[in-house]
PDB file of N, CA and C in Angstrom:
ATOM      1  N   UNK A   1      14.185   0.354 -29.309  1.00  0.00           N
ATOM      2  CA  UNK A   1      13.664  -0.780 -28.870  1.00  0.00           C
ATOM      3  C   UNK A   1      14.382  -1.671 -28.188  1.00  0.00           C
ATOM      4  N   UNK A   2      14.484  -1.851 -26.879  1.00  0.00           N
ATOM      5  CA  UNK A   2      15.431  -2.405 -26.376  1.00  0.00           C
ATOM      6  C   UNK A   2      15.814  -4.018 -26.474  1.00  0.00           C
ATOM      7  N   UNK A   3      17.186  -4.402 -25.778  1.00  0.00           N
ATOM      8  CA  UNK A   3      17.844  -5.863 -26.470  1.00  0.00           C
ATOM      9  C   UNK A   3      16.649  -6.672 -26.159  1.00  0.00           C
ATOM     10  N   UNK A   4      16.185  -6.315 -25.125  1.00  0.00           N
ATOM     11  CA  UNK A   4      15.284  -7.843 -25.424  1.00  0.00           C
ATOM     12  C   UNK A   4      13.849  -7.845 -26.286  1.00  0.00           C
ATOM     13  N   UNK A   5      13.407  -6.386 -26.407  1.00  0.00           N
ATOM     14  CA  UNK A   5      12.225  -6.179 -27.035  1.00  0.00           C
ATOM     15  C   UNK A   5      13.032  -7.093 -28.984  1.00  0.00           C
ATOM     16  N   UNK A   6      13.909  -6.742 -29.079  1.00  0.00           N
ATOM     17  CA  UNK A   6      14.413  -6.701 -30.604  1.00  0.00           C
ATOM     18  C   UNK A   6      14.927  -8.166 -30.540  1.00  0.00           C
ATOM     19  N   UNK A   7      15.097  -9.160 -28.906  1.00  0.00           N
ATOM     20  CA  UNK A   7      15.620 -10.621 -29.127  1.00  0.00           C
ATOM     21  C   UNK A   7      13.594 -11.215 -29.515  1.00  0.00           C
ATOM     22  N   UNK A   8      13.013 -10.897 -28.690  1.00  0.00           N
ATOM     23  CA  UNK A   8      11.652 -11.457 -28.578  1.00  0.00           C
ATOM     24  C   UNK A   8      11.241 -11.127 -30.378  1.00  0.00           C
ATOM     25  N   UNK A   9      11.277  -9.841 -30.725  1.00  0.00           N
ATOM     26  CA  UNK A   9      10.452 -10.187 -31.615  1.00  0.00           C
ATOM     27  C   UNK A   9      11.634 -10.714 -33.046  1.00  0.00           C
ATOM     28  N   UNK A  10      12.833 -11.029 -33.178  1.00  0.00           N
ATOM     29  CA  UNK A  10      13.700 -11.864 -33.696  1.00  0.00           C
ATOM     30  C   UNK A  10      13.256 -13.454 -33.479  1.00  0.00           C
ATOM     31  N   UNK A  11      13.202 -13.895 -32.468  1.00  0.00           N
ATOM     32  CA  UNK A  11      12.593 -15.433 -31.398  1.00  0.00           C
ATOM     33  C   UNK A  11      11.267 -15.340 -32.523  1.00  0.00           C
ATOM     34  N   UNK A  12      10.154 -14.257 -32.307  1.00  0.00           N
ATOM     35  CA  UNK A  12       8.815 -14.949 -32.676  1.00  0.00           C
ATOM     36  C   UNK A  12       8.700 -15.238 -34.364  1.00  0.00           C
ATOM     37  N   UNK A  13       9.949 -14.583 -34.995  1.00  0.00           N
ATOM     38  CA  UNK A  13       9.876 -14.998 -36.389  1.00  0.00           C
ATOM     39  C   UNK A  13      10.202 -16.108 -36.799  1.00  0.00           C
ATOM     40  N   UNK A  14      11.042 -16.870 -35.846  1.00  0.00           N
ATOM     41  CA  UNK A  14      11.502 -18.363 -35.925  1.00  0.00           C
ATOM     42  C   UNK A  14      11.387 -19.151 -35.621  1.00  0.00           C
ATOM     43  N   UNK A  15      10.500 -19.118 -34.120  1.00  0.00           N
ATOM     44  CA  UNK A  15       9.977 -20.282 -33.560  1.00  0.00           C
ATOM     45  C   UNK A  15       8.574 -20.501 -34.773  1.00  0.00           C
ATOM     46  N   UNK A  16       7.908 -21.604 -34.184  1.00  0.00           N
ATOM     47  CA  UNK A  16       6.507 -22.527 -34.694  1.00  0.00           C
ATOM     48  C   UNK A  16       6.057 -21.539 -34.106  1.00  0.00           C
ATOM     49  N   UNK A  17       4.488 -21.089 -35.314  1.00  0.00           N
ATOM     50  CA  UNK A  17       3.577 -20.037 -34.548  1.00  0.00           C
ATOM     51  C   UNK A  17       2.809 -20.785 -33.191  1.00  0.00           C
ATOM     52  N   UNK A  18       2.471 -22.121 -33.279  1.00  0.00           N
ATOM     53  CA  UNK A  18       1.851 -22.194 -32.177  1.00  0.00           C
ATOM     54  C   UNK A  18       2.798 -21.723 -30.372  1.00  0.00           C
ATOM     55  N   UNK A  19       4.567 -22.227 -31.197  1.00  0.00           N
ATOM     56  CA  UNK A  19       5.273 -21.413 -29.661  1.00  0.00           C
ATOM     57  C   UNK A  19       5.311 -19.719 -29.830  1.00  0.00           C
ATOM     58  N   UNK A  20       5.309 -19.375 -30.727  1.00  0.00           N
ATOM     59  CA  UNK A  20       5.329 -17.848 -30.851  1.00  0.00           C
ATOM     60  C   UNK A  20       4.010 -17.611 -30.106  1.00  0.00           C
ATOM     61  N   UNK A  21       3.049 -18.199 -30.824  1.00  0.00           N
ATOM     62  CA  UNK A  21       1.401 -17.659 -30.339  1.00  0.00           C
ATOM     63  C   UNK A  21       1.393 -17.583 -28.629  1.00  0.00           C
ATOM     64  N   UNK A  22       2.227 -18.798 -28.312  1.00  0.00           N
ATOM     65  CA  UNK A  22       1.975 -18.996 -26.399  1.00  0.00           C
ATOM     66  C   UNK A  22       2.553 -18.075 -25.743  1.00  0.00           C
ATOM     67  N   UNK A  23       4.166 -17.773 -26.325  1.00  0.00           N
ATOM     68  CA  UNK A  23       5.021 -16.902 -25.878  1.00  0.00           C
ATOM     69  C   UNK A  23       4.511 -15.133 -26.212  1.00  0.00           C
ATOM     70  N   UNK A  24       3.452 -15.390 -27.223  1.00  0.00           N
ATOM     71  CA  UNK A  24       2.876 -13.543 -26.633  1.00  0.00           C
ATOM     72  C   UNK A  24       2.028 -13.576 -26.348  1.00  0.00           C
ATOM     73  N   UNK A  25       0.722 -14.417 -25.820  1.00  0.00           N
ATOM     74  CA  UNK A  25       0.593 -14.410 -24.547  1.00  0.00           C
ATOM     75  C   UNK A  25       0.516 -14.301 -23.497  1.00  0.00           C
ATOM     76  N   UNK A  26       1.775 -15.360 -23.339  1.00  0.00           N
ATOM     77  CA  UNK A  26       2.454 -15.113 -21.743  1.00  0.00           C
ATOM     78  C   UNK A  26       2.914 -13.604 -21.442  1.00  0.00           C
ATOM     79  N   UNK A  27       3.905 -13.385 -22.495  1.00  0.00           N
ATOM     80  CA  UNK A  27       4.034 -11.882 -22.644  1.00  0.00           C
ATOM     81  C   UNK A  27       3.028 -10.768 -22.273  1.00  0.00           C
ATOM     82  N   UNK A  28       2.167 -10.829 -22.806  1.00  0.00           N
ATOM     83  CA  UNK A  28       1.137 -10.027 -22.913  1.00  0.00           C
ATOM     84  C   UNK A  28       0.387 -10.193 -21.723  1.00  0.00           C
ATOM     85  N   UNK A  29       0.444 -11.289 -20.754  1.00  0.00           N
ATOM     86  CA  UNK A  29      -0.312 -11.443 -19.185  1.00  0.00           C
ATOM     87  C   UNK A  29       0.802 -11.099 -18.189  1.00  0.00           C
ATOM     88  N   UNK A  30       1.830 -10.685 -18.398  1.00  0.00           N
ATOM     89  CA  UNK A  30       3.355 -10.977 -17.923  1.00  0.00           C
ATOM     90  C   UNK A  30       2.951  -8.921 -17.580  1.00  0.00           C
ATOM     91  N   UNK A  31       2.667  -8.456 -19.411  1.00  0.00           N
ATOM     92  CA  UNK A  31       2.650  -7.008 -18.924  1.00  0.00           C
ATOM     93  C   UNK A  31       1.430  -6.423 -17.909  1.00  0.00           C
ATOM     94  N   UNK A  32       0.293  -7.178 -18.523  1.00  0.00           N
ATOM     95  CA  UNK A  32      -0.783  -6.938 -17.831  1.00  0.00           C
ATOM     96  C   UNK A  32      -0.705  -6.441 -16.263  1.00  0.00           C
ATOM     97  N   UNK A  33      -0.155  -7.301 -16.274  1.00  0.00           N
ATOM     98  CA  UNK A  33       0.474  -7.943 -14.518  1.00  0.00           C
ATOM     99  C   UNK A  33       1.201  -6.764 -13.835  1.00  0.00           C
ATOM    100  N   UNK A  34       2.333  -6.366 -14.344  1.00  0.00           N
ATOM    101  CA  UNK A  34       2.661  -5.151 -14.331  1.00  0.00           C
ATOM    102  C   UNK A  34       2.293  -4.024 -14.498  1.00  0.00           C
ATOM    103  N   UNK A  35       1.171  -3.730 -15.276  1.00  0.00           N
ATOM    104  CA  UNK A  35       0.849  -2.617 -15.122  1.00  0.00           C
ATOM    105  C   UNK A  35      -0.403  -2.592 -14.139  1.00  0.00           C
ATOM    106  N   UNK A  36      -0.431  -3.556 -13.699  1.00  0.00           N
ATOM    107  CA  UNK A  36      -1.435  -3.748 -12.539  1.00  0.00           C
ATOM    108  C   UNK A  36      -0.889  -3.259 -11.074  1.00  0.00           C
ATOM    109  N   UNK A  37       0.002  -3.579 -11.297  1.00  0.00           N
ATOM    110  CA  UNK A  37       0.905  -3.642 -10.251  1.00  0.00           C
ATOM    111  C   UNK A  37       1.380  -2.194 -10.236  1.00  0.00           C
ATOM    112  N   UNK A  38       1.582  -1.462 -11.219  1.00  0.00           N
ATOM    113  CA  UNK A  38       2.548  -0.532 -11.628  1.00  0.00           C
ATOM    114  C   UNK A  38       1.425   1.094 -10.634  1.00  0.00           C
ATOM    115  N   UNK A  39       0.091   0.247 -11.503  1.00  0.00           N
ATOM    116  CA  UNK A  39      -1.277   0.664 -11.039  1.00  0.00           C
ATOM    117  C   UNK A  39      -1.533   0.894  -9.129  1.00  0.00           C
ATOM    118  N   UNK A  40      -1.479  -0.285  -8.764  1.00  0.00           N
ATOM    119  CA  UNK A  40      -1.651  -0.195  -7.441  1.00  0.00           C
ATOM    120  C   UNK A  40      -0.734   0.481  -6.582  1.00  0.00           C
ATOM    121  N   UNK A  41       0.689   0.397  -6.945  1.00  0.00           N
ATOM    122  CA  UNK A  41       1.556   1.082  -6.341  1.00  0.00           C
ATOM    123  C   UNK A  41       1.855   2.564  -6.377  1.00  0.00           C
ATOM    124  N   UNK A  42       0.935   2.834  -7.679  1.00  0.00           N
ATOM    125  CA  UNK A  42       1.263   4.272  -7.766  1.00  0.00           C
ATOM    126  C   UNK A  42      -0.564   5.027  -6.794  1.00  0.00           C
ATOM    127  N   UNK A  43      -1.290   4.365  -6.907  1.00  0.00           N
ATOM    128  CA  UNK A  43      -2.980   4.817  -5.951  1.00  0.00           C
ATOM    129  C   UNK A  43      -2.368   4.652  -4.922  1.00  0.00           C
ATOM    130  N   UNK A  44      -1.258   4.018  -3.931  1.00  0.00           N
ATOM    131  CA  UNK A  44      -1.005   3.248  -2.424  1.00  0.00           C
ATOM    132  C   UNK A  44      -0.117   4.708  -1.886  1.00  0.00           C
ATOM    133  N   UNK A  45       0.763   5.341  -2.497  1.00  0.00           N
ATOM    134  CA  UNK A  45       1.462   6.742  -2.906  1.00  0.00           C
ATOM    135  C   UNK A  45       0.647   7.964  -3.115  1.00  0.00           C
ATOM    136  N   UNK A  46      -0.374   8.244  -3.504  1.00  0.00           N
ATOM    137  CA  UNK A  46      -1.086   9.053  -3.888  1.00  0.00           C
ATOM    138  C   UNK A  46      -1.546   9.629  -2.577  1.00  0.00           C
ATOM    139  N   UNK A  47      -1.986  11.192  -2.294  1.00  0.00           N
ATOM    140  CA  UNK A  47      -2.316  11.782  -1.049  1.00  0.00           C
ATOM    141  C   UNK A  47      -3.270  11.371  -0.644  1.00  0.00           C
ATOM    142  N   UNK A  48      -3.592  11.562   0.200  1.00  0.00           N
ATOM    143  CA  UNK A  48      -5.210  11.098   1.061  1.00  0.00           C
ATOM    144  C   UNK A  48      -5.526  12.243   1.421  1.00  0.00           C
ATOM    145  N   UNK A  49      -6.798  12.462   0.647  1.00  0.00           N
ATOM    146  CA  UNK A  49      -7.420  13.480   0.387  1.00  0.00           C
ATOM    147  C   UNK A  49      -8.709  13.555   1.776  1.00  0.00           C
ATOM    148  N   UNK A  50      -8.641  12.611   2.134  1.00  0.00           N
ATOM    149  CA  UNK A  50      -9.605  12.960   3.771  1.00  0.00           C
ATOM    150  C   UNK A  50      -9.253  13.893   4.326  1.00  0.00           C
ATOM    151  N   UNK A  51     -10.264  14.291   5.449  1.00  0.00           N
ATOM    152  CA  UNK A  51      -9.416  15.907   5.965  1.00  0.00           C
ATOM    153  C   UNK A  51      -9.535  14.979   7.123  1.00  0.00           C
ATOM    154  N   UNK A  52      -8.813  15.950   8.058  1.00  0.00           N
ATOM    155  CA  UNK A  52      -8.724  15.636   9.413  1.00  0.00           C
ATOM    156  C   UNK A  52      -9.696  15.972  10.090  1.00  0.00           C
ATOM    157  N   UNK A  53     -11.028  16.579   9.590  1.00  0.00           N
ATOM    158  CA  UNK A  53     -12.046  16.609  10.349  1.00  0.00           C
ATOM    159  C   UNK A  53     -12.500  15.848  10.174  1.00  0.00           C
ATOM    160  N   UNK A  54     -12.365  15.003   8.948  1.00  0.00           N
ATOM    161  CA  UNK A  54     -13.440  13.466   9.590  1.00  0.00           C
ATOM    162  C   UNK A  54     -12.551  12.644  10.616  1.00  0.00           C
ATOM    163  N   UNK A  55     -10.934  12.855  11.078  1.00  0.00           N
ATOM    164  CA  UNK A  55     -10.530  11.480  11.931  1.00  0.00           C
ATOM    165  C   UNK A  55     -11.193  11.804  13.152  1.00  0.00           C
ATOM    166  N   UNK A  56     -12.381  10.646  13.697  1.00  0.00           N
ATOM    167  CA  UNK A  56     -12.198  10.960  15.062  1.00  0.00           C
ATOM    168  C   UNK A  56     -11.462  11.135  15.863  1.00  0.00           C
ATOM    169  N   UNK A  57     -10.510  10.867  16.284  1.00  0.00           N
ATOM    170  CA  UNK A  57      -9.709  11.154  16.751  1.00  0.00           C
ATOM    171  C   UNK A  57      -8.764  12.536  17.163  1.00  0.00           C
ATOM    172  N   UNK A  58      -8.632  12.924  15.395  1.00  0.00           N
ATOM    173  CA  UNK A  58      -8.017  14.455  15.933  1.00  0.00           C
ATOM    174  C   UNK A  58      -9.346  15.108  15.664  1.00  0.00           C
ATOM    175  N   UNK A  59     -10.695  14.957  15.342  1.00  0.00           N
ATOM    176  CA  UNK A  59     -11.860  15.448  15.865  1.00  0.00           C
ATOM    177  C   UNK A  59     -12.475  15.750  17.192  1.00  0.00           C
ATOM    178  N   UNK A  60     -11.591  15.053  18.075  1.00  0.00           N
ATOM    179  CA  UNK A  60     -12.611  15.203  19.562  1.00  0.00           C
ATOM    180  C   UNK A  60     -11.455  16.041  20.095  1.00  0.00           C
ATOM    181  N   UNK A  61     -12.557  16.917  20.668  1.00  0.00           N
ATOM    182  CA  UNK A  61     -12.110  18.213  21.400  1.00  0.00           C
ATOM    183  C   UNK A  61     -12.420  17.878  23.259  1.00  0.00           C
ATOM    184  N   UNK A  62     -13.340  16.641  22.920  1.00  0.00           N
ATOM    185  CA  UNK A  62     -13.279  17.259  24.806  1.00  0.00           C
ATOM    186  C   UNK A  62     -12.003  17.179  25.592  1.00  0.00           C
ATOM    187  N   UNK A  63     -12.136  17.471  26.977  1.00  0.00           N
ATOM    188  CA  UNK A  63     -11.253  17.782  27.494  1.00  0.00           C
ATOM    189  C   UNK A  63     -11.271  17.541  29.028  1.00  0.00           C
ATOM    190  N   UNK A  64     -10.416  17.461  29.787  1.00  0.00           N
ATOM    191  CA  UNK A  64     -11.288  16.833  31.493  1.00  0.00           C
ATOM    192  C   UNK A  64     -10.372  18.372  31.951  1.00  0.00           C
ATOM    193  N   UNK A  65     -11.055  19.469  32.438  1.00  0.00           N
ATOM    194  CA  UNK A  65     -10.138  20.670  33.219  1.00  0.00           C
ATOM    195  C   UNK A  65      -9.825  20.791  34.676  1.00  0.00           C
ATOM    196  N   UNK A  66     -11.152  19.442  34.879  1.00  0.00           N
ATOM    197  CA  UNK A  66     -11.386  19.008  36.889  1.00  0.00           C
ATOM    198  C   UNK A  66      -9.460  19.021  37.653  1.00  0.00           C
ATOM    199  N   UNK A  67      -9.773  18.740  38.691  1.00  0.00           N
ATOM    200  CA  UNK A  67      -8.921  18.329  39.509  1.00  0.00           C
ATOM    201  C   UNK A  67      -7.796  16.852  38.897  1.00  0.00           C
ATOM    202  N   UNK A  68      -6.785  16.622  39.174  1.00  0.00           N
ATOM    203  CA  UNK A  68      -6.362  15.302  38.514  1.00  0.00           C
ATOM    204  C   UNK A  68      -5.067  15.102  39.314  1.00  0.00           C
ATOM    205  N   UNK A  69      -4.875  13.877  39.207  1.00  0.00           N
ATOM    206  CA  UNK A  69      -3.383  13.710  39.708  1.00  0.00           C
ATOM    207  C   UNK A  69      -2.108  14.759  38.834  1.00  0.00           C
ATOM    208  N   UNK A  70      -1.103  14.593  40.013  1.00  0.00           N
ATOM    209  CA  UNK A  70      -0.158  15.549  39.228  1.00  0.00           C
ATOM    210  C   UNK A  70       0.994  14.282  38.094  1.00  0.00           C
ATOM    211  N   UNK A  71       0.628  12.847  38.391  1.00  0.00           N
ATOM    212  CA  UNK A  71       2.314  11.682  37.747  1.00  0.00           C
ATOM    213  C   UNK A  71       0.723  10.999  37.386  1.00  0.00           C
ATOM    214  N   UNK A  72       0.037  11.650  36.393  1.00  0.00           N
ATOM    215  CA  UNK A  72      -0.640  10.654  35.607  1.00  0.00           C
ATOM    216  C   UNK A  72       0.428  10.407  34.237  1.00  0.00           C
ATOM    217  N   UNK A  73       1.326  10.658  33.817  1.00  0.00           N
ATOM    218  CA  UNK A  73       2.006  10.060  32.774  1.00  0.00           C
ATOM    219  C   UNK A  73       3.027   9.412  33.226  1.00  0.00           C
ATOM    220  N   UNK A  74       2.936   9.372  34.896  1.00  0.00           N
ATOM    221  CA  UNK A  74       4.563   8.446  35.067  1.00  0.00           C
ATOM    222  C   UNK A  74       3.382   7.185  35.265  1.00  0.00           C
ATOM    223  N   UNK A  75       2.306   7.114  36.505  1.00  0.00           N
ATOM    224  CA  UNK A  75       1.455   6.210  36.814  1.00  0.00           C
ATOM    225  C   UNK A  75       0.221   5.804  35.767  1.00  0.00           C
ATOM    226  N   UNK A  76       0.148   6.239  34.742  1.00  0.00           N
ATOM    227  CA  UNK A  76      -1.063   5.895  33.966  1.00  0.00           C
ATOM    228  C   UNK A  76      -1.690   4.283  34.071  1.00  0.00           C
ATOM    229  N   UNK A  77      -1.074   3.435  34.309  1.00  0.00           N
ATOM    230  CA  UNK A  77      -1.580   2.263  33.936  1.00  0.00           C
ATOM    231  C   UNK A  77      -1.706   2.030  35.231  1.00  0.00           C
ATOM    232  N   UNK A  78      -1.634   2.329  36.475  1.00  0.00           N
ATOM    233  CA  UNK A  78      -1.826   1.727  38.037  1.00  0.00           C
ATOM    234  C   UNK A  78      -2.935   2.464  37.918  1.00  0.00           C
ATOM    235  N   UNK A  79      -3.758   4.217  37.695  1.00  0.00           N
ATOM    236  CA  UNK A  79      -4.524   4.760  36.933  1.00  0.00           C
ATOM    237  C   UNK A  79      -5.963   3.977  36.619  1.00  0.00           C
ATOM    238  N   UNK A  80      -5.317   3.484  35.509  1.00  0.00           N
ATOM    239  CA  UNK A  80      -6.245   2.548  33.778  1.00  0.00           C
ATOM    240  C   UNK A  80      -6.459   1.204  34.585  1.00  0.00           C
ATOM    241  N   UNK A  81      -5.563   0.891  35.029  1.00  0.00           N
ATOM    242  CA  UNK A  81      -5.658  -0.705  35.563  1.00  0.00           C
ATOM    243  C   UNK A  81      -5.490  -1.225  37.387  1.00  0.00           C
ATOM    244  N   UNK A  82      -4.978  -0.029  38.054  1.00  0.00           N
ATOM    245  CA  UNK A  82      -4.975  -0.659  38.872  1.00  0.00           C
ATOM    246  C   UNK A  82      -3.724  -1.386  39.493  1.00  0.00           C
ATOM    247  N   UNK A  83      -3.531  -1.234  40.876  1.00  0.00           N
ATOM    248  CA  UNK A  83      -2.542  -1.543  41.461  1.00  0.00           C
ATOM    249  C   UNK A  83      -2.199  -3.394  41.286  1.00  0.00           C
ATOM    250  N   UNK A  84      -1.509  -3.594  40.838  1.00  0.00           N
ATOM    251  CA  UNK A  84      -0.592  -5.009  40.343  1.00  0.00           C
ATOM    252  C   UNK A  84      -0.884  -5.884  41.447  1.00  0.00           C
ATOM    253  N   UNK A  85      -1.219  -7.328  41.576  1.00  0.00           N
ATOM    254  CA  UNK A  85      -1.584  -7.830  43.031  1.00  0.00           C
ATOM    255  C   UNK A  85      -0.544  -9.352  42.841  1.00  0.00           C
TER     256      UNK A  85
END
């Protein structure tokens, strides 16, 4: 048993029943919240089981094989949005 658990156990025996009951209720709520937080953290770290085939971006196999400008990377804004005026 940890020091805080021993202290709590000792104090619960000393306090008035109403106070001890309230403290027990509050500690139970804190434990429940901590358990929920731990569960959320665990599920957030779980591996992603979705297939890459389900990803619309990665599944797109279309490409352009015709002639195109050789400076697409350099001037892509110009080709997409036109010349700035």
